[in-house]
Every structure is written in structure tokens, then in C-alpha cells.
């Protein structure tokens, strides 16, 4: 048994989701929430996926290598750039650590996030 663990994967679904979210009408949403969502969350989330995201073909290639390996690993991460976030996920199965880290990167330290993605 092997577990293939991809990080963010860029798909047509993801692309359409961002496009629809950017065109959506937020006039009935309170202004502060709409601004946070459109100016911080959407922008930073898209940048994370663009910088760290892999294609489905990348994931398929990794999966094939695991299947064909004489001694496949128990766990295989397909994206080394995503390793720190995966470590947080494994360190705290409740999800609190990774959620807090993403929250801080997106909403409090977005300049650090942008620098790190370069």
C-alpha cells in the first residue's frame, strides 16, 4: 500500500472556480467580507496554486513511478515545495496547525507569502 500525496493541483475546475469567483456579484455581501475575499483570499489563493500547483499529468507520472517501483514508499509527496504544509498536516491530525498557518500566510503575512512564492 502506498499513499500518493499531491499538494495543490491546477485543473480546469480550479481555473473556472477562480474565474467565476472574480466575476461574481458581491453587492449583497457586507463590504468588509467582500473586500477580504476578493482582495486577499482570492489573490493569495490563486498565487499559491499558480506557484505550487502541479498538473494532473505531473501527479499521474508520480503515481506511475510509485506503482512501478520495486520497493514503493508508504508515502510519496509529489511536490517538495509543499512539504512544510504537509508536515503541519501530519503533526496535527485535527487540521488546526495547517489551517492556522494558511490563515496567517493569507491574511496576516501576505507579503511573506508573496516573497516565498517567488
C-alpha atoms as a PDB file:
ATOM      1  CA  UNK A   1       0.000   0.000   0.000  1.00  0.00           C
ATOM      2  CA  UNK A   2       1.321   3.436  -0.952  1.00  0.00           C
ATOM      3  CA  UNK A   3      -0.179   6.829  -0.367  1.00  0.00           C
ATOM      4  CA  UNK A   4       0.475   9.389  -3.113  1.00  0.00           C
ATOM      5  CA  UNK A   5       0.110  12.853  -1.606  1.00  0.00           C
ATOM      6  CA  UNK A   6      -0.173  15.707  -4.093  1.00  0.00           C
ATOM      7  CA  UNK A   7      -0.301  19.281  -2.934  1.00  0.00           C
ATOM      8  CA  UNK A   8      -2.285  21.819  -4.950  1.00  0.00           C
ATOM      9  CA  UNK A   9      -3.284  20.569  -8.409  1.00  0.00           C
ATOM     10  CA  UNK A  10      -4.191  23.002 -11.176  1.00  0.00           C
ATOM     11  CA  UNK A  11      -7.181  21.736 -13.112  1.00  0.00           C
ATOM     12  CA  UNK A  12      -9.830  23.251 -15.360  1.00  0.00           C
ATOM     13  CA  UNK A  13     -12.169  23.094 -12.353  1.00  0.00           C
ATOM     14  CA  UNK A  14      -9.776  25.237 -10.298  1.00  0.00           C
ATOM     15  CA  UNK A  15      -9.355  27.749 -13.134  1.00  0.00           C
ATOM     16  CA  UNK A  16     -13.123  28.053 -13.659  1.00  0.00           C
ATOM     17  CA  UNK A  17     -13.686  28.402  -9.924  1.00  0.00           C
ATOM     18  CA  UNK A  18     -11.357  31.420  -9.718  1.00  0.00           C
ATOM     19  CA  UNK A  19     -12.818  32.988 -12.865  1.00  0.00           C
ATOM     20  CA  UNK A  20     -16.369  32.659 -11.544  1.00  0.00           C
ATOM     21  CA  UNK A  21     -15.400  33.966  -8.111  1.00  0.00           C
ATOM     22  CA  UNK A  22     -13.760  37.031  -9.667  1.00  0.00           C
ATOM     23  CA  UNK A  23     -16.874  37.794 -11.777  1.00  0.00           C
ATOM     24  CA  UNK A  24     -19.392  37.126  -9.016  1.00  0.00           C
ATOM     25  CA  UNK A  25     -21.647  39.842  -7.685  1.00  0.00           C
ATOM     26  CA  UNK A  26     -20.787  40.614  -4.069  1.00  0.00           C
ATOM     27  CA  UNK A  27     -23.087  43.637  -3.769  1.00  0.00           C
ATOM     28  CA  UNK A  28     -25.289  41.829  -1.229  1.00  0.00           C
ATOM     29  CA  UNK A  29     -22.281  40.796   0.875  1.00  0.00           C
ATOM     30  CA  UNK A  30     -21.120  43.099   3.623  1.00  0.00           C
ATOM     31  CA  UNK A  31     -18.345  45.292   2.194  1.00  0.00           C
ATOM     32  CA  UNK A  32     -15.606  44.175   4.605  1.00  0.00           C
ATOM     33  CA  UNK A  33     -16.167  40.485   3.890  1.00  0.00           C
ATOM     34  CA  UNK A  34     -16.328  41.091   0.124  1.00  0.00           C
ATOM     35  CA  UNK A  35     -13.081  43.055   0.204  1.00  0.00           C
ATOM     36  CA  UNK A  36     -11.261  40.446   2.291  1.00  0.00           C
ATOM     37  CA  UNK A  37     -12.468  37.672  -0.007  1.00  0.00           C
ATOM     38  CA  UNK A  38     -11.699  39.402  -3.306  1.00  0.00           C
ATOM     39  CA  UNK A  39      -8.559  41.366  -2.439  1.00  0.00           C
ATOM     40  CA  UNK A  40      -6.809  38.990  -0.048  1.00  0.00           C
ATOM     41  CA  UNK A  41      -8.141  35.461  -0.210  1.00  0.00           C
ATOM     42  CA  UNK A  42      -8.731  35.092  -3.957  1.00  0.00           C
ATOM     43  CA  UNK A  43      -5.474  36.751  -4.944  1.00  0.00           C
ATOM     44  CA  UNK A  44      -3.316  34.844  -2.474  1.00  0.00           C
ATOM     45  CA  UNK A  45      -5.072  31.532  -3.021  1.00  0.00           C
ATOM     46  CA  UNK A  46      -4.646  31.793  -6.791  1.00  0.00           C
ATOM     47  CA  UNK A  47      -0.963  32.703  -6.350  1.00  0.00           C
ATOM     48  CA  UNK A  48      -0.407  29.645  -4.139  1.00  0.00           C
ATOM     49  CA  UNK A  49      -1.994  27.358  -6.728  1.00  0.00           C
ATOM     50  CA  UNK A  50      -0.117  29.026  -9.586  1.00  0.00           C
ATOM     51  CA  UNK A  51       3.241  28.822  -7.810  1.00  0.00           C
ATOM     52  CA  UNK A  52       2.944  25.457  -6.078  1.00  0.00           C
ATOM     53  CA  UNK A  53       0.330  23.718  -8.188  1.00  0.00           C
ATOM     54  CA  UNK A  54       1.084  20.729 -10.327  1.00  0.00           C
ATOM     55  CA  UNK A  55      -0.726  19.491 -13.388  1.00  0.00           C
ATOM     56  CA  UNK A  56      -2.784  16.299 -13.303  1.00  0.00           C
ATOM     57  CA  UNK A  57      -0.165  14.859 -15.670  1.00  0.00           C
ATOM     58  CA  UNK A  58       2.564  15.532 -13.067  1.00  0.00           C
ATOM     59  CA  UNK A  59       0.545  13.635 -10.483  1.00  0.00           C
ATOM     60  CA  UNK A  60      -0.056  10.757 -12.911  1.00  0.00           C
ATOM     61  CA  UNK A  61       3.695  10.493 -13.596  1.00  0.00           C
ATOM     62  CA  UNK A  62       4.481  10.363  -9.880  1.00  0.00           C
ATOM     63  CA  UNK A  63       1.777   7.762  -9.345  1.00  0.00           C
ATOM     64  CA  UNK A  64       3.138   5.611 -12.167  1.00  0.00           C
ATOM     65  CA  UNK A  65       6.655   5.771 -10.657  1.00  0.00           C
ATOM     66  CA  UNK A  66       5.267   4.599  -7.301  1.00  0.00           C
ATOM     67  CA  UNK A  67       3.333   1.749  -8.964  1.00  0.00           C
ATOM     68  CA  UNK A  68       6.373   0.633 -10.973  1.00  0.00           C
ATOM     69  CA  UNK A  69       8.842   0.875  -8.069  1.00  0.00           C
ATOM     70  CA  UNK A  70      10.364  -2.390  -6.898  1.00  0.00           C
ATOM     71  CA  UNK A  71      10.030  -1.158  -3.305  1.00  0.00           C
ATOM     72  CA  UNK A  72       7.411   1.594  -3.314  1.00  0.00           C
ATOM     73  CA  UNK A  73       7.358   4.030  -0.422  1.00  0.00           C
ATOM     74  CA  UNK A  74       4.496   4.027   2.040  1.00  0.00           C
ATOM     75  CA  UNK A  75       4.017   7.771   1.473  1.00  0.00           C
ATOM     76  CA  UNK A  76       5.059   9.736  -1.578  1.00  0.00           C
ATOM     77  CA  UNK A  77       4.724  13.511  -1.794  1.00  0.00           C
ATOM     78  CA  UNK A  78       4.601  14.711  -5.374  1.00  0.00           C
ATOM     79  CA  UNK A  79       5.593  18.306  -4.631  1.00  0.00           C
ATOM     80  CA  UNK A  80       8.613  19.055  -2.433  1.00  0.00           C
ATOM     81  CA  UNK A  81       7.634  22.742  -2.294  1.00  0.00           C
ATOM     82  CA  UNK A  82       4.512  21.697  -0.380  1.00  0.00           C
ATOM     83  CA  UNK A  83       6.475  19.660   2.203  1.00  0.00           C
ATOM     84  CA  UNK A  84       6.277  22.231   5.050  1.00  0.00           C
ATOM     85  CA  UNK A  85       2.472  22.355   4.840  1.00  0.00           C
ATOM     86  CA  UNK A  86       2.252  18.564   4.625  1.00  0.00           C
ATOM     87  CA  UNK A  87       4.424  18.328   7.750  1.00  0.00           C
ATOM     88  CA  UNK A  88       1.986  20.555   9.636  1.00  0.00           C
ATOM     89  CA  UNK A  89      -0.887  18.377   8.473  1.00  0.00           C
ATOM     90  CA  UNK A  90       0.848  15.245   9.778  1.00  0.00           C
ATOM     91  CA  UNK A  91       1.955  16.888  13.027  1.00  0.00           C
ATOM     92  CA  UNK A  92      -1.628  17.785  13.936  1.00  0.00           C
ATOM     93  CA  UNK A  93      -4.321  15.458  12.537  1.00  0.00           C
ATOM     94  CA  UNK A  94      -7.039  17.853  13.754  1.00  0.00           C
ATOM     95  CA  UNK A  95      -6.006  20.273  10.994  1.00  0.00           C
ATOM     96  CA  UNK A  96      -5.627  23.224  13.367  1.00  0.00           C
ATOM     97  CA  UNK A  97      -1.917  23.818  12.654  1.00  0.00           C
ATOM     98  CA  UNK A  98      -2.224  23.874   8.875  1.00  0.00           C
ATOM     99  CA  UNK A  99      -5.402  25.956   8.994  1.00  0.00           C
ATOM    100  CA  UNK A 100      -3.723  28.496  11.282  1.00  0.00           C
ATOM    101  CA  UNK A 101      -0.612  28.588   9.061  1.00  0.00           C
ATOM    102  CA  UNK A 102      -2.651  29.181   5.903  1.00  0.00           C
ATOM    103  CA  UNK A 103      -4.748  31.809   7.690  1.00  0.00           C
ATOM    104  CA  UNK A 104      -1.656  33.701   8.805  1.00  0.00           C
ATOM    105  CA  UNK A 105       0.023  33.471   5.392  1.00  0.00           C
ATOM    106  CA  UNK A 106      -3.051  34.648   3.512  1.00  0.00           C
ATOM    107  CA  UNK A 107      -4.412  37.282   5.886  1.00  0.00           C
ATOM    108  CA  UNK A 108      -1.576  38.481   8.111  1.00  0.00           C
ATOM    109  CA  UNK A 109       1.721  37.865   6.335  1.00  0.00           C
ATOM    110  CA  UNK A 110       0.747  38.057   2.671  1.00  0.00           C
ATOM    111  CA  UNK A 111       3.982  39.932   1.862  1.00  0.00           C
ATOM    112  CA  UNK A 112       5.960  36.981   3.242  1.00  0.00           C
ATOM    113  CA  UNK A 113       3.740  34.608   1.254  1.00  0.00           C
ATOM    114  CA  UNK A 114       4.354  36.541  -1.974  1.00  0.00           C
ATOM    115  CA  UNK A 115       8.111  36.651  -1.358  1.00  0.00           C
ATOM    116  CA  UNK A 116       8.175  32.925  -0.589  1.00  0.00           C
ATOM    117  CA  UNK A 117       6.273  32.041  -3.743  1.00  0.00           C
ATOM    118  CA  UNK A 118       8.891  33.739  -5.883  1.00  0.00           C
END
